[in-house]
Amino acid sequence: MRIALVSNKSELIKKDLKELDIQTVKKNPDYVLAFGGDGTLLASEEKYPGVPKIFIYYSGTCLKCSVGDFKHALKFALENPEKFSEFILLEAEIGKKKIVALNDINIHYTPPCALRYS
């Protein structure tokens, strides 16, 4: 299995990936493993659009799970792809430019101080 890893904490999980016999690649992955927070998931979609993501939330401040749980969680995900959830992407068009987003699209106005929300 070929997985692209997107994480700024990859040193915490590389040993587990080897033990699970997972090859990490930068091009043409079967899946993308996003190990980190929401920003990591967004970065993984930007870098590998359309490739299925395995998102394992890891935060130094959230103590609900530990890095030790990672191997079990990844193995479960890979053995049970039917349990994957599919995100619906947002799409917007401005003129001839098409924008695709995971969870929100921001529209900016110049000058920003003239824009009011109610």
PDB file of N, CA and C in Angstrom:
ATOM      1  N   MET A   1       0.835  -1.175   0.000  1.00  0.00           N
ATOM      2  CA  MET A   1       0.000   0.000   0.000  1.00  0.00           C
ATOM      3  C   MET A   1       0.885   1.246   0.000  1.00  0.00           C
ATOM      4  N   ARG A   2       0.498   2.210  -0.821  1.00  0.00           N
ATOM      5  CA  ARG A   2       1.273   3.447  -0.971  1.00  0.00           C
ATOM      6  C   ARG A   2       0.504   4.599  -0.323  1.00  0.00           C
ATOM      7  N   ILE A   3       1.132   5.210   0.681  1.00  0.00           N
ATOM      8  CA  ILE A   3       0.487   6.301   1.410  1.00  0.00           C
ATOM      9  C   ILE A   3       1.380   7.527   1.396  1.00  0.00           C
ATOM     10  N   ALA A   4       0.766   8.665   1.089  1.00  0.00           N
ATOM     11  CA  ALA A   4       1.466   9.945   1.221  1.00  0.00           C
ATOM     12  C   ALA A   4       1.193  10.447   2.633  1.00  0.00           C
ATOM     13  N   LEU A   5       2.227  10.859   3.320  1.00  0.00           N
ATOM     14  CA  LEU A   5       2.106  11.328   4.696  1.00  0.00           C
ATOM     15  C   LEU A   5       2.178  12.843   4.725  1.00  0.00           C
ATOM     16  N   VAL A   6       1.158  13.464   5.319  1.00  0.00           N
ATOM     17  CA  VAL A   6       1.151  14.910   5.514  1.00  0.00           C
ATOM     18  C   VAL A   6       1.069  15.137   7.015  1.00  0.00           C
ATOM     19  N   SER A   7       2.151  15.638   7.594  1.00  0.00           N
ATOM     20  CA  SER A   7       2.207  15.849   9.036  1.00  0.00           C
ATOM     21  C   SER A   7       3.464  16.623   9.386  1.00  0.00           C
ATOM     22  N   ASN A   8       3.372  17.437  10.424  1.00  0.00           N
ATOM     23  CA  ASN A   8       4.598  18.044  10.937  1.00  0.00           C
ATOM     24  C   ASN A   8       5.085  17.263  12.156  1.00  0.00           C
ATOM     25  N   LYS A   9       4.472  16.111  12.401  1.00  0.00           N
ATOM     26  CA  LYS A   9       4.858  15.223  13.505  1.00  0.00           C
ATOM     27  C   LYS A   9       5.193  13.827  12.982  1.00  0.00           C
ATOM     28  N   SER A  10       5.670  13.739  11.747  1.00  0.00           N
ATOM     29  CA  SER A  10       5.884  12.435  11.115  1.00  0.00           C
ATOM     30  C   SER A  10       6.895  11.572  11.862  1.00  0.00           C
ATOM     31  N   GLU A  11       7.824  12.194  12.589  1.00  0.00           N
ATOM     32  CA  GLU A  11       8.821  11.409  13.322  1.00  0.00           C
ATOM     33  C   GLU A  11       8.169  10.538  14.396  1.00  0.00           C
ATOM     34  N   LEU A  12       6.965  10.907  14.846  1.00  0.00           N
ATOM     35  CA  LEU A  12       6.272  10.142  15.882  1.00  0.00           C
ATOM     36  C   LEU A  12       5.675   8.842  15.354  1.00  0.00           C
ATOM     37  N   ILE A  13       5.470   8.740  14.047  1.00  0.00           N
ATOM     38  CA  ILE A  13       4.724   7.594  13.514  1.00  0.00           C
ATOM     39  C   ILE A  13       5.453   6.797  12.434  1.00  0.00           C
ATOM     40  N   LYS A  14       6.616   7.235  12.007  1.00  0.00           N
ATOM     41  CA  LYS A  14       7.312   6.530  10.913  1.00  0.00           C
ATOM     42  C   LYS A  14       7.621   5.077  11.261  1.00  0.00           C
ATOM     43  N   LYS A  15       7.980   4.812  12.509  1.00  0.00           N
ATOM     44  CA  LYS A  15       8.277   3.438  12.926  1.00  0.00           C
ATOM     45  C   LYS A  15       7.029   2.561  12.785  1.00  0.00           C
ATOM     46  N   ASP A  16       5.878   3.091  13.202  1.00  0.00           N
ATOM     47  CA  ASP A  16       4.628   2.331  13.090  1.00  0.00           C
ATOM     48  C   ASP A  16       4.267   2.054  11.634  1.00  0.00           C
ATOM     49  N   LEU A  17       4.509   3.016  10.762  1.00  0.00           N
ATOM     50  CA  LEU A  17       4.224   2.811   9.339  1.00  0.00           C
ATOM     51  C   LEU A  17       5.062   1.668   8.781  1.00  0.00           C
ATOM     52  N   LYS A  18       6.331   1.610   9.175  1.00  0.00           N
ATOM     53  CA  LYS A  18       7.200   0.518   8.711  1.00  0.00           C
ATOM     54  C   LYS A  18       6.707  -0.825   9.241  1.00  0.00           C
ATOM     55  N   GLU A  19       6.307  -0.849  10.521  1.00  0.00           N
ATOM     56  CA  GLU A  19       5.822  -2.097  11.118  1.00  0.00           C
ATOM     57  C   GLU A  19       4.547  -2.590  10.430  1.00  0.00           C
ATOM     58  N   LEU A  20       3.737  -1.668   9.926  1.00  0.00           N
ATOM     59  CA  LEU A  20       2.513  -2.040   9.211  1.00  0.00           C
ATOM     60  C   LEU A  20       2.773  -2.300   7.730  1.00  0.00           C
ATOM     61  N   ASP A  21       4.045  -2.270   7.332  1.00  0.00           N
ATOM     62  CA  ASP A  21       4.461  -2.513   5.951  1.00  0.00           C
ATOM     63  C   ASP A  21       3.798  -1.536   4.975  1.00  0.00           C
ATOM     64  N   ILE A  22       3.807  -0.263   5.363  1.00  0.00           N
ATOM     65  CA  ILE A  22       3.231   0.795   4.540  1.00  0.00           C
ATOM     66  C   ILE A  22       4.358   1.590   3.905  1.00  0.00           C
ATOM     67  N   GLN A  23       4.295   1.711   2.604  1.00  0.00           N
ATOM     68  CA  GLN A  23       5.292   2.473   1.852  1.00  0.00           C
ATOM     69  C   GLN A  23       4.830   3.925   1.774  1.00  0.00           C
ATOM     70  N   THR A  24       5.672   4.855   2.228  1.00  0.00           N
ATOM     71  CA  THR A  24       5.325   6.271   2.110  1.00  0.00           C
ATOM     72  C   THR A  24       5.896   6.809   0.803  1.00  0.00           C
ATOM     73  N   VAL A  25       5.050   7.535   0.079  1.00  0.00           N
ATOM     74  CA  VAL A  25       5.420   8.072  -1.228  1.00  0.00           C
ATOM     75  C   VAL A  25       5.014   9.539  -1.305  1.00  0.00           C
ATOM     76  N   LYS A  26       5.560  10.228  -2.277  1.00  0.00           N
ATOM     77  CA  LYS A  26       5.190  11.622  -2.506  1.00  0.00           C
ATOM     78  C   LYS A  26       4.292  11.773  -3.740  1.00  0.00           C
ATOM     79  N   LYS A  27       4.314  10.764  -4.632  1.00  0.00           N
ATOM     80  CA  LYS A  27       3.511  10.833  -5.858  1.00  0.00           C
ATOM     81  C   LYS A  27       2.637   9.593  -5.996  1.00  0.00           C
ATOM     82  N   ASN A  28       1.444   9.789  -6.547  1.00  0.00           N
ATOM     83  CA  ASN A  28       0.496   8.713  -6.854  1.00  0.00           C
ATOM     84  C   ASN A  28       0.185   7.785  -5.673  1.00  0.00           C
ATOM     85  N   PRO A  29      -0.213   8.339  -4.521  1.00  0.00           N
ATOM     86  CA  PRO A  29      -0.542   7.470  -3.384  1.00  0.00           C
ATOM     87  C   PRO A  29      -1.923   6.840  -3.543  1.00  0.00           C
ATOM     88  N   ASP A  30      -2.119   5.710  -2.855  1.00  0.00           N
ATOM     89  CA  ASP A  30      -3.448   5.098  -2.776  1.00  0.00           C
ATOM     90  C   ASP A  30      -4.319   5.882  -1.793  1.00  0.00           C
ATOM     91  N   TYR A  31      -3.695   6.328  -0.706  1.00  0.00           N
ATOM     92  CA  TYR A  31      -4.345   7.120   0.331  1.00  0.00           C
ATOM     93  C   TYR A  31      -3.391   8.215   0.775  1.00  0.00           C
ATOM     94  N   VAL A  32      -3.960   9.208   1.438  1.00  0.00           N
ATOM     95  CA  VAL A  32      -3.156  10.244   2.082  1.00  0.00           C
ATOM     96  C   VAL A  32      -3.436  10.153   3.573  1.00  0.00           C
ATOM     97  N   LEU A  33      -2.381  10.049   4.362  1.00  0.00           N
ATOM     98  CA  LEU A  33      -2.513  10.044   5.812  1.00  0.00           C
ATOM     99  C   LEU A  33      -2.227  11.448   6.315  1.00  0.00           C
ATOM    100  N   ALA A  34      -3.252  12.082   6.872  1.00  0.00           N
ATOM    101  CA  ALA A  34      -3.103  13.409   7.473  1.00  0.00           C
ATOM    102  C   ALA A  34      -3.076  13.205   8.981  1.00  0.00           C
ATOM    103  N   PHE A  35      -1.914  13.376   9.579  1.00  0.00           N
ATOM    104  CA  PHE A  35      -1.719  13.152  11.013  1.00  0.00           C
ATOM    105  C   PHE A  35      -1.417  14.490  11.657  1.00  0.00           C
ATOM    106  N   GLY A  36      -2.415  15.064  12.304  1.00  0.00           N
ATOM    107  CA  GLY A  36      -2.252  16.377  12.919  1.00  0.00           C
ATOM    108  C   GLY A  36      -3.608  16.994  13.186  1.00  0.00           C
ATOM    109  N   GLY A  37      -3.698  18.298  13.002  1.00  0.00           N
ATOM    110  CA  GLY A  37      -4.937  19.015  13.268  1.00  0.00           C
ATOM    111  C   GLY A  37      -5.692  19.358  12.002  1.00  0.00           C
ATOM    112  N   ASP A  38      -6.658  20.253  12.162  1.00  0.00           N
ATOM    113  CA  ASP A  38      -7.496  20.646  11.029  1.00  0.00           C
ATOM    114  C   ASP A  38      -6.677  21.231   9.881  1.00  0.00           C
ATOM    115  N   GLY A  39      -5.659  22.012  10.208  1.00  0.00           N
ATOM    116  CA  GLY A  39      -4.797  22.595   9.177  1.00  0.00           C
ATOM    117  C   GLY A  39      -4.068  21.533   8.371  1.00  0.00           C
ATOM    118  N   THR A  40      -3.705  20.440   9.032  1.00  0.00           N
ATOM    119  CA  THR A  40      -3.038  19.332   8.341  1.00  0.00           C
ATOM    120  C   THR A  40      -3.985  18.677   7.342  1.00  0.00           C
ATOM    121  N   LEU A  41      -5.233  18.509   7.743  1.00  0.00           N
ATOM    122  CA  LEU A  41      -6.221  17.938   6.821  1.00  0.00           C
ATOM    123  C   LEU A  41      -6.420  18.846   5.613  1.00  0.00           C
ATOM    124  N   LEU A  42      -6.540  20.146   5.852  1.00  0.00           N
ATOM    125  CA  LEU A  42      -6.705  21.088   4.740  1.00  0.00           C
ATOM    126  C   LEU A  42      -5.489  21.070   3.816  1.00  0.00           C
ATOM    127  N   ALA A  43      -4.294  21.029   4.407  1.00  0.00           N
ATOM    128  CA  ALA A  43      -3.065  20.984   3.601  1.00  0.00           C
ATOM    129  C   ALA A  43      -3.002  19.699   2.775  1.00  0.00           C
ATOM    130  N   SER A  44      -3.466  18.593   3.346  1.00  0.00           N
ATOM    131  CA  SER A  44      -3.423  17.321   2.607  1.00  0.00           C
ATOM    132  C   SER A  44      -4.363  17.344   1.408  1.00  0.00           C
ATOM    133  N   GLU A  45      -5.511  17.996   1.556  1.00  0.00           N
ATOM    134  CA  GLU A  45      -6.444  18.090   0.423  1.00  0.00           C
ATOM    135  C   GLU A  45      -5.897  19.023  -0.648  1.00  0.00           C
ATOM    136  N   GLU A  46      -5.224  20.082  -0.219  1.00  0.00           N
ATOM    137  CA  GLU A  46      -4.640  21.011  -1.192  1.00  0.00           C
ATOM    138  C   GLU A  46      -3.519  20.335  -1.979  1.00  0.00           C
ATOM    139  N   LYS A  47      -2.720  19.527  -1.284  1.00  0.00           N
ATOM    140  CA  LYS A  47      -1.576  18.880  -1.930  1.00  0.00           C
ATOM    141  C   LYS A  47      -1.985  17.662  -2.764  1.00  0.00           C
ATOM    142  N   TYR A  48      -3.000  16.930  -2.298  1.00  0.00           N
ATOM    143  CA  TYR A  48      -3.440  15.706  -2.979  1.00  0.00           C
ATOM    144  C   TYR A  48      -4.960  15.736  -3.176  1.00  0.00           C
ATOM    145  N   PRO A  49      -5.456  16.630  -4.034  1.00  0.00           N
ATOM    146  CA  PRO A  49      -6.911  16.723  -4.217  1.00  0.00           C
ATOM    147  C   PRO A  49      -7.493  15.439  -4.806  1.00  0.00           C
ATOM    148  N   GLY A  50      -8.616  15.017  -4.242  1.00  0.00           N
ATOM    149  CA  GLY A  50      -9.313  13.854  -4.772  1.00  0.00           C
ATOM    150  C   GLY A  50      -8.809  12.506  -4.297  1.00  0.00           C
ATOM    151  N   VAL A  51      -7.645  12.448  -3.663  1.00  0.00           N
ATOM    152  CA  VAL A  51      -7.123  11.181  -3.154  1.00  0.00           C
ATOM    153  C   VAL A  51      -7.762  10.935  -1.781  1.00  0.00           C
ATOM    154  N   PRO A  52      -8.265   9.720  -1.514  1.00  0.00           N
ATOM    155  CA  PRO A  52      -8.890   9.452  -0.213  1.00  0.00           C
ATOM    156  C   PRO A  52      -7.939   9.759   0.949  1.00  0.00           C
ATOM    157  N   LYS A  53      -8.504  10.410   1.990  1.00  0.00           N
ATOM    158  CA  LYS A  53      -7.708  10.813   3.151  1.00  0.00           C
ATOM    159  C   LYS A  53      -8.032   9.939   4.354  1.00  0.00           C
ATOM    160  N   ILE A  54      -7.009   9.623   5.103  1.00  0.00           N
ATOM    161  CA  ILE A  54      -7.173   9.034   6.426  1.00  0.00           C
ATOM    162  C   ILE A  54      -6.702  10.119   7.380  1.00  0.00           C
ATOM    163  N   PHE A  55      -7.642  10.694   8.110  1.00  0.00           N
ATOM    164  CA  PHE A  55      -7.324  11.799   9.011  1.00  0.00           C
ATOM    165  C   PHE A  55      -7.288  11.273  10.434  1.00  0.00           C
ATOM    166  N   ILE A  56      -6.112  11.318  11.035  1.00  0.00           N
ATOM    167  CA  ILE A  56      -5.962  10.936  12.436  1.00  0.00           C
ATOM    168  C   ILE A  56      -5.566  12.190  13.191  1.00  0.00           C
ATOM    169  N   TYR A  57      -6.490  12.648  14.022  1.00  0.00           N
ATOM    170  CA  TYR A  57      -6.292  13.898  14.752  1.00  0.00           C
ATOM    171  C   TYR A  57      -5.256  13.695  15.845  1.00  0.00           C
ATOM    172  N   TYR A  58      -4.241  14.535  15.826  1.00  0.00           N
ATOM    173  CA  TYR A  58      -3.225  14.512  16.874  1.00  0.00           C
ATOM    174  C   TYR A  58      -2.909  15.939  17.265  1.00  0.00           C
ATOM    175  N   SER A  59      -2.946  16.178  18.557  1.00  0.00           N
ATOM    176  CA  SER A  59      -2.627  17.499  19.072  1.00  0.00           C
ATOM    177  C   SER A  59      -1.846  17.322  20.363  1.00  0.00           C
ATOM    178  N   GLY A  60      -0.848  18.139  20.554  1.00  0.00           N
ATOM    179  CA  GLY A  60      -0.083  18.095  21.796  1.00  0.00           C
ATOM    180  C   GLY A  60      -0.899  18.532  22.994  1.00  0.00           C
ATOM    181  N   THR A  61      -2.006  19.249  22.757  1.00  0.00           N
ATOM    182  CA  THR A  61      -2.820  19.742  23.868  1.00  0.00           C
ATOM    183  C   THR A  61      -4.053  18.884  24.124  1.00  0.00           C
ATOM    184  N   CYS A  62      -4.473  18.099  23.156  1.00  0.00           N
ATOM    185  CA  CYS A  62      -5.640  17.223  23.333  1.00  0.00           C
ATOM    186  C   CYS A  62      -5.147  15.876  23.853  1.00  0.00           C
ATOM    187  N   LEU A  63      -5.645  15.462  24.989  1.00  0.00           N
ATOM    188  CA  LEU A  63      -5.155  14.232  25.609  1.00  0.00           C
ATOM    189  C   LEU A  63      -6.148  13.073  25.504  1.00  0.00           C
ATOM    190  N   LYS A  64      -7.089  13.147  24.568  1.00  0.00           N
ATOM    191  CA  LYS A  64      -8.085  12.083  24.425  1.00  0.00           C
ATOM    192  C   LYS A  64      -7.479  10.807  23.852  1.00  0.00           C
ATOM    193  N   CYS A  65      -6.436  10.947  23.070  1.00  0.00           N
ATOM    194  CA  CYS A  65      -5.767   9.770  22.532  1.00  0.00           C
ATOM    195  C   CYS A  65      -4.269  10.043  22.508  1.00  0.00           C
ATOM    196  N   SER A  66      -3.503   8.978  22.469  1.00  0.00           N
ATOM    197  CA  SER A  66      -2.051   9.133  22.478  1.00  0.00           C
ATOM    198  C   SER A  66      -1.478   8.643  21.158  1.00  0.00           C
ATOM    199  N   VAL A  67      -0.214   8.947  20.947  1.00  0.00           N
ATOM    200  CA  VAL A  67       0.453   8.464  19.737  1.00  0.00           C
ATOM    201  C   VAL A  67       0.431   6.941  19.717  1.00  0.00           C
ATOM    202  N   GLY A  68       0.420   6.316  20.882  1.00  0.00           N
ATOM    203  CA  GLY A  68       0.363   4.863  20.965  1.00  0.00           C
ATOM    204  C   GLY A  68      -0.890   4.278  20.339  1.00  0.00           C
ATOM    205  N   ASP A  69      -1.962   5.052  20.287  1.00  0.00           N
ATOM    206  CA  ASP A  69      -3.208   4.604  19.667  1.00  0.00           C
ATOM    207  C   ASP A  69      -3.147   4.679  18.142  1.00  0.00           C
ATOM    208  N   PHE A  70      -2.155   5.367  17.618  1.00  0.00           N
ATOM    209  CA  PHE A  70      -2.062   5.618  16.176  1.00  0.00           C
ATOM    210  C   PHE A  70      -2.050   4.328  15.363  1.00  0.00           C
ATOM    211  N   LYS A  71      -1.183   3.405  15.724  1.00  0.00           N
ATOM    212  CA  LYS A  71      -1.016   2.178  14.945  1.00  0.00           C
ATOM    213  C   LYS A  71      -2.337   1.401  14.879  1.00  0.00           C
ATOM    214  N   HIS A  72      -3.006   1.293  15.995  1.00  0.00           N
ATOM    215  CA  HIS A  72      -4.295   0.592  16.042  1.00  0.00           C
ATOM    216  C   HIS A  72      -5.327   1.308  15.171  1.00  0.00           C
ATOM    217  N   ALA A  73      -5.392   2.633  15.269  1.00  0.00           N
ATOM    218  CA  ALA A  73      -6.374   3.412  14.499  1.00  0.00           C
ATOM    219  C   ALA A  73      -6.122   3.289  13.000  1.00  0.00           C
ATOM    220  N   LEU A  74      -4.869   3.390  12.585  1.00  0.00           N
ATOM    221  CA  LEU A  74      -4.544   3.290  11.162  1.00  0.00           C
ATOM    222  C   LEU A  74      -4.837   1.889  10.632  1.00  0.00           C
ATOM    223  N   LYS A  75      -4.460   0.873  11.385  1.00  0.00           N
ATOM    224  CA  LYS A  75      -4.719  -0.504  10.961  1.00  0.00           C
ATOM    225  C   LYS A  75      -6.224  -0.724  10.794  1.00  0.00           C
ATOM    226  N   PHE A  76      -7.018  -0.226  11.740  1.00  0.00           N
ATOM    227  CA  PHE A  76      -8.475  -0.355  11.647  1.00  0.00           C
ATOM    228  C   PHE A  76      -8.998   0.341  10.391  1.00  0.00           C
ATOM    229  N   ALA A  77      -8.512   1.559  10.130  1.00  0.00           N
ATOM    230  CA  ALA A  77      -8.973   2.322   8.962  1.00  0.00           C
ATOM    231  C   ALA A  77      -8.654   1.591   7.664  1.00  0.00           C
ATOM    232  N   LEU A  78      -7.458   1.053   7.561  1.00  0.00           N
ATOM    233  CA  LEU A  78      -7.055   0.370   6.330  1.00  0.00           C
ATOM    234  C   LEU A  78      -7.791  -0.954   6.130  1.00  0.00           C
ATOM    235  N   GLU A  79      -8.146  -1.619   7.216  1.00  0.00           N
ATOM    236  CA  GLU A  79      -8.858  -2.895   7.116  1.00  0.00           C
ATOM    237  C   GLU A  79     -10.367  -2.713   6.935  1.00  0.00           C
ATOM    238  N   ASN A  80     -10.866  -1.492   7.156  1.00  0.00           N
ATOM    239  CA  ASN A  80     -12.307  -1.234   7.097  1.00  0.00           C
ATOM    240  C   ASN A  80     -12.625   0.001   6.262  1.00  0.00           C
ATOM    241  N   PRO A  81     -12.257   0.006   4.985  1.00  0.00           N
ATOM    242  CA  PRO A  81     -12.493   1.211   4.173  1.00  0.00           C
ATOM    243  C   PRO A  81     -13.975   1.563   4.033  1.00  0.00           C
ATOM    244  N   GLU A  82     -14.866   0.593   4.266  1.00  0.00           N
ATOM    245  CA  GLU A  82     -16.301   0.887   4.188  1.00  0.00           C
ATOM    246  C   GLU A  82     -16.752   1.822   5.313  1.00  0.00           C
ATOM    247  N   LYS A  83     -15.929   1.985   6.329  1.00  0.00           N
ATOM    248  CA  LYS A  83     -16.259   2.880   7.447  1.00  0.00           C
ATOM    249  C   LYS A  83     -15.845   4.324   7.170  1.00  0.00           C
ATOM    250  N   PHE A  84     -15.192   4.567   6.045  1.00  0.00           N
ATOM    251  CA  PHE A  84     -14.756   5.922   5.711  1.00  0.00           C
ATOM    252  C   PHE A  84     -15.974   6.818   5.512  1.00  0.00           C
ATOM    253  N   SER A  85     -15.843   8.070   5.892  1.00  0.00           N
ATOM    254  CA  SER A  85     -16.863   9.085   5.615  1.00  0.00           C
ATOM    255  C   SER A  85     -16.386   9.912   4.436  1.00  0.00           C
ATOM    256  N   GLU A  86     -17.309  10.309   3.610  1.00  0.00           N
ATOM    257  CA  GLU A  86     -16.941  11.136   2.460  1.00  0.00           C
ATOM    258  C   GLU A  86     -17.340  12.578   2.729  1.00  0.00           C
ATOM    259  N   PHE A  87     -16.371  13.481   2.606  1.00  0.00           N
ATOM    260  CA  PHE A  87     -16.647  14.903   2.766  1.00  0.00           C
ATOM    261  C   PHE A  87     -17.242  15.451   1.477  1.00  0.00           C
ATOM    262  N   ILE A  88     -18.208  16.313   1.624  1.00  0.00           N
ATOM    263  CA  ILE A  88     -18.754  17.019   0.475  1.00  0.00           C
ATOM    264  C   ILE A  88     -17.947  18.297   0.318  1.00  0.00           C
ATOM    265  N   LEU A  89     -17.389  18.510  -0.849  1.00  0.00           N
ATOM    266  CA  LEU A  89     -16.592  19.708  -1.096  1.00  0.00           C
ATOM    267  C   LEU A  89     -17.484  20.850  -1.557  1.00  0.00           C
ATOM    268  N   LEU A  90     -17.072  22.056  -1.213  1.00  0.00           N
ATOM    269  CA  LEU A  90     -17.761  23.260  -1.667  1.00  0.00           C
ATOM    270  C   LEU A  90     -17.093  23.750  -2.941  1.00  0.00           C
ATOM    271  N   GLU A  91     -17.877  24.327  -3.818  1.00  0.00           N
ATOM    272  CA  GLU A  91     -17.330  24.852  -5.064  1.00  0.00           C
ATOM    273  C   GLU A  91     -17.945  26.223  -5.322  1.00  0.00           C
ATOM    274  N   ALA A  92     -17.099  27.164  -5.722  1.00  0.00           N
ATOM    275  CA  ALA A  92     -17.576  28.508  -6.063  1.00  0.00           C
ATOM    276  C   ALA A  92     -16.909  28.940  -7.357  1.00  0.00           C
ATOM    277  N   GLU A  93     -17.616  29.751  -8.119  1.00  0.00           N
ATOM    278  CA  GLU A  93     -17.055  30.311  -9.347  1.00  0.00           C
ATOM    279  C   GLU A  93     -17.146  31.821  -9.283  1.00  0.00           C
ATOM    280  N   ILE A  94     -16.032  32.465  -9.570  1.00  0.00           N
ATOM    281  CA  ILE A  94     -15.978  33.922  -9.657  1.00  0.00           C
ATOM    282  C   ILE A  94     -15.415  34.230 -11.036  1.00  0.00           C
ATOM    283  N   GLY A  95     -16.257  34.744 -11.904  1.00  0.00           N
ATOM    284  CA  GLY A  95     -15.828  34.932 -13.288  1.00  0.00           C
ATOM    285  C   GLY A  95     -15.538  33.577 -13.898  1.00  0.00           C
ATOM    286  N   LYS A  96     -14.326  33.402 -14.391  1.00  0.00           N
ATOM    287  CA  LYS A  96     -13.923  32.122 -14.979  1.00  0.00           C
ATOM    288  C   LYS A  96     -13.101  31.279 -14.014  1.00  0.00           C
ATOM    289  N   LYS A  97     -12.891  31.795 -12.798  1.00  0.00           N
ATOM    290  CA  LYS A  97     -12.088  31.072 -11.815  1.00  0.00           C
ATOM    291  C   LYS A  97     -12.982  30.188 -10.947  1.00  0.00           C
ATOM    292  N   LYS A  98     -12.581  28.923 -10.818  1.00  0.00           N
ATOM    293  CA  LYS A  98     -13.319  27.953 -10.017  1.00  0.00           C
ATOM    294  C   LYS A  98     -12.517  27.664  -8.750  1.00  0.00           C
ATOM    295  N   ILE A  99     -13.191  27.702  -7.597  1.00  0.00           N
ATOM    296  CA  ILE A  99     -12.550  27.454  -6.310  1.00  0.00           C
ATOM    297  C   ILE A  99     -13.230  26.249  -5.674  1.00  0.00           C
ATOM    298  N   VAL A 100     -12.444  25.309  -5.165  1.00  0.00           N
ATOM    299  CA  VAL A 100     -12.968  24.154  -4.455  1.00  0.00           C
ATOM    300  C   VAL A 100     -12.428  24.217  -3.033  1.00  0.00           C
ATOM    301  N   ALA A 101     -13.303  23.973  -2.057  1.00  0.00           N
ATOM    302  CA  ALA A 101     -12.897  24.072  -0.655  1.00  0.00           C
ATOM    303  C   ALA A 101     -13.465  22.906   0.142  1.00  0.00           C
ATOM    304  N   LEU A 102     -12.827  22.637   1.262  1.00  0.00           N
ATOM    305  CA  LEU A 102     -13.259  21.537   2.118  1.00  0.00           C
ATOM    306  C   LEU A 102     -14.391  21.945   3.052  1.00  0.00           C
ATOM    307  N   ASN A 103     -14.260  23.111   3.711  1.00  0.00           N
ATOM    308  CA  ASN A 103     -15.316  23.464   4.657  1.00  0.00           C
ATOM    309  C   ASN A 103     -15.778  24.917   4.629  1.00  0.00           C
ATOM    310  N   ASP A 104     -15.049  25.812   4.026  1.00  0.00           N
ATOM    311  CA  ASP A 104     -15.540  27.184   3.890  1.00  0.00           C
ATOM    312  C   ASP A 104     -14.775  27.932   2.810  1.00  0.00           C
ATOM    313  N   ILE A 105     -15.434  28.934   2.280  1.00  0.00           N
ATOM    314  CA  ILE A 105     -14.830  29.812   1.280  1.00  0.00           C
ATOM    315  C   ILE A 105     -14.982  31.231   1.806  1.00  0.00           C
ATOM    316  N   ASN A 106     -13.885  31.950   1.903  1.00  0.00           N
ATOM    317  CA  ASN A 106     -13.917  33.334   2.377  1.00  0.00           C
ATOM    318  C   ASN A 106     -13.929  34.278   1.188  1.00  0.00           C
ATOM    319  N   ILE A 107     -14.803  35.259   1.260  1.00  0.00           N
ATOM    320  CA  ILE A 107     -14.862  36.289   0.231  1.00  0.00           C
ATOM    321  C   ILE A 107     -14.360  37.573   0.864  1.00  0.00           C
ATOM    322  N   HIS A 108     -13.317  38.131   0.298  1.00  0.00           N
ATOM    323  CA  HIS A 108     -12.708  39.342   0.853  1.00  0.00           C
ATOM    324  C   HIS A 108     -13.096  40.545   0.011  1.00  0.00           C
ATOM    325  N   TYR A 109     -13.229  41.652   0.675  1.00  0.00           N
ATOM    326  CA  TYR A 109     -13.596  42.907   0.030  1.00  0.00           C
ATOM    327  C   TYR A 109     -12.525  43.940   0.337  1.00  0.00           C
ATOM    328  N   THR A 110     -12.145  44.731  -0.654  1.00  0.00           N
ATOM    329  CA  THR A 110     -11.136  45.768  -0.444  1.00  0.00           C
ATOM    330  C   THR A 110     -11.821  47.120  -0.464  1.00  0.00           C
ATOM    331  N   PRO A 111     -11.639  47.971   0.482  1.00  0.00           N
ATOM    332  CA  PRO A 111     -10.871  47.792   1.720  1.00  0.00           C
ATOM    333  C   PRO A 111     -11.676  47.002   2.748  1.00  0.00           C
ATOM    334  N   PRO A 112     -11.030  46.118   3.507  1.00  0.00           N
ATOM    335  CA  PRO A 112     -11.762  45.266   4.446  1.00  0.00           C
ATOM    336  C   PRO A 112     -12.483  46.045   5.542  1.00  0.00           C
ATOM    337  N   CYS A 113     -12.023  47.249   5.864  1.00  0.00           N
ATOM    338  CA  CYS A 113     -12.677  48.020   6.926  1.00  0.00           C
ATOM    339  C   CYS A 113     -14.048  48.530   6.492  1.00  0.00           C
ATOM    340  N   ALA A 114     -14.351  48.489   5.205  1.00  0.00           N
ATOM    341  CA  ALA A 114     -15.634  48.988   4.716  1.00  0.00           C
ATOM    342  C   ALA A 114     -16.710  47.905   4.704  1.00  0.00           C
ATOM    343  N   LEU A 115     -16.338  46.672   4.975  1.00  0.00           N
ATOM    344  CA  LEU A 115     -17.287  45.569   4.964  1.00  0.00           C
ATOM    345  C   LEU A 115     -17.863  45.392   6.359  1.00  0.00           C
ATOM    346  N   ARG A 116     -19.165  45.326   6.481  1.00  0.00           N
ATOM    347  CA  ARG A 116     -19.827  45.196   7.779  1.00  0.00           C
ATOM    348  C   ARG A 116     -20.666  43.923   7.803  1.00  0.00           C
ATOM    349  N   TYR A 117     -20.668  43.271   8.930  1.00  0.00           N
ATOM    350  CA  TYR A 117     -21.481  42.072   9.134  1.00  0.00           C
ATOM    351  C   TYR A 117     -22.567  42.387  10.147  1.00  0.00           C
ATOM    352  N   SER A 118     -23.705  41.779   9.995  1.00  0.00           N
ATOM    353  CA  SER A 118     -24.760  41.971  11.006  1.00  0.00           C
ATOM    354  C   SER A 118     -25.359  40.637  11.390  1.00  0.00           C
TER     355      SER A 118
END
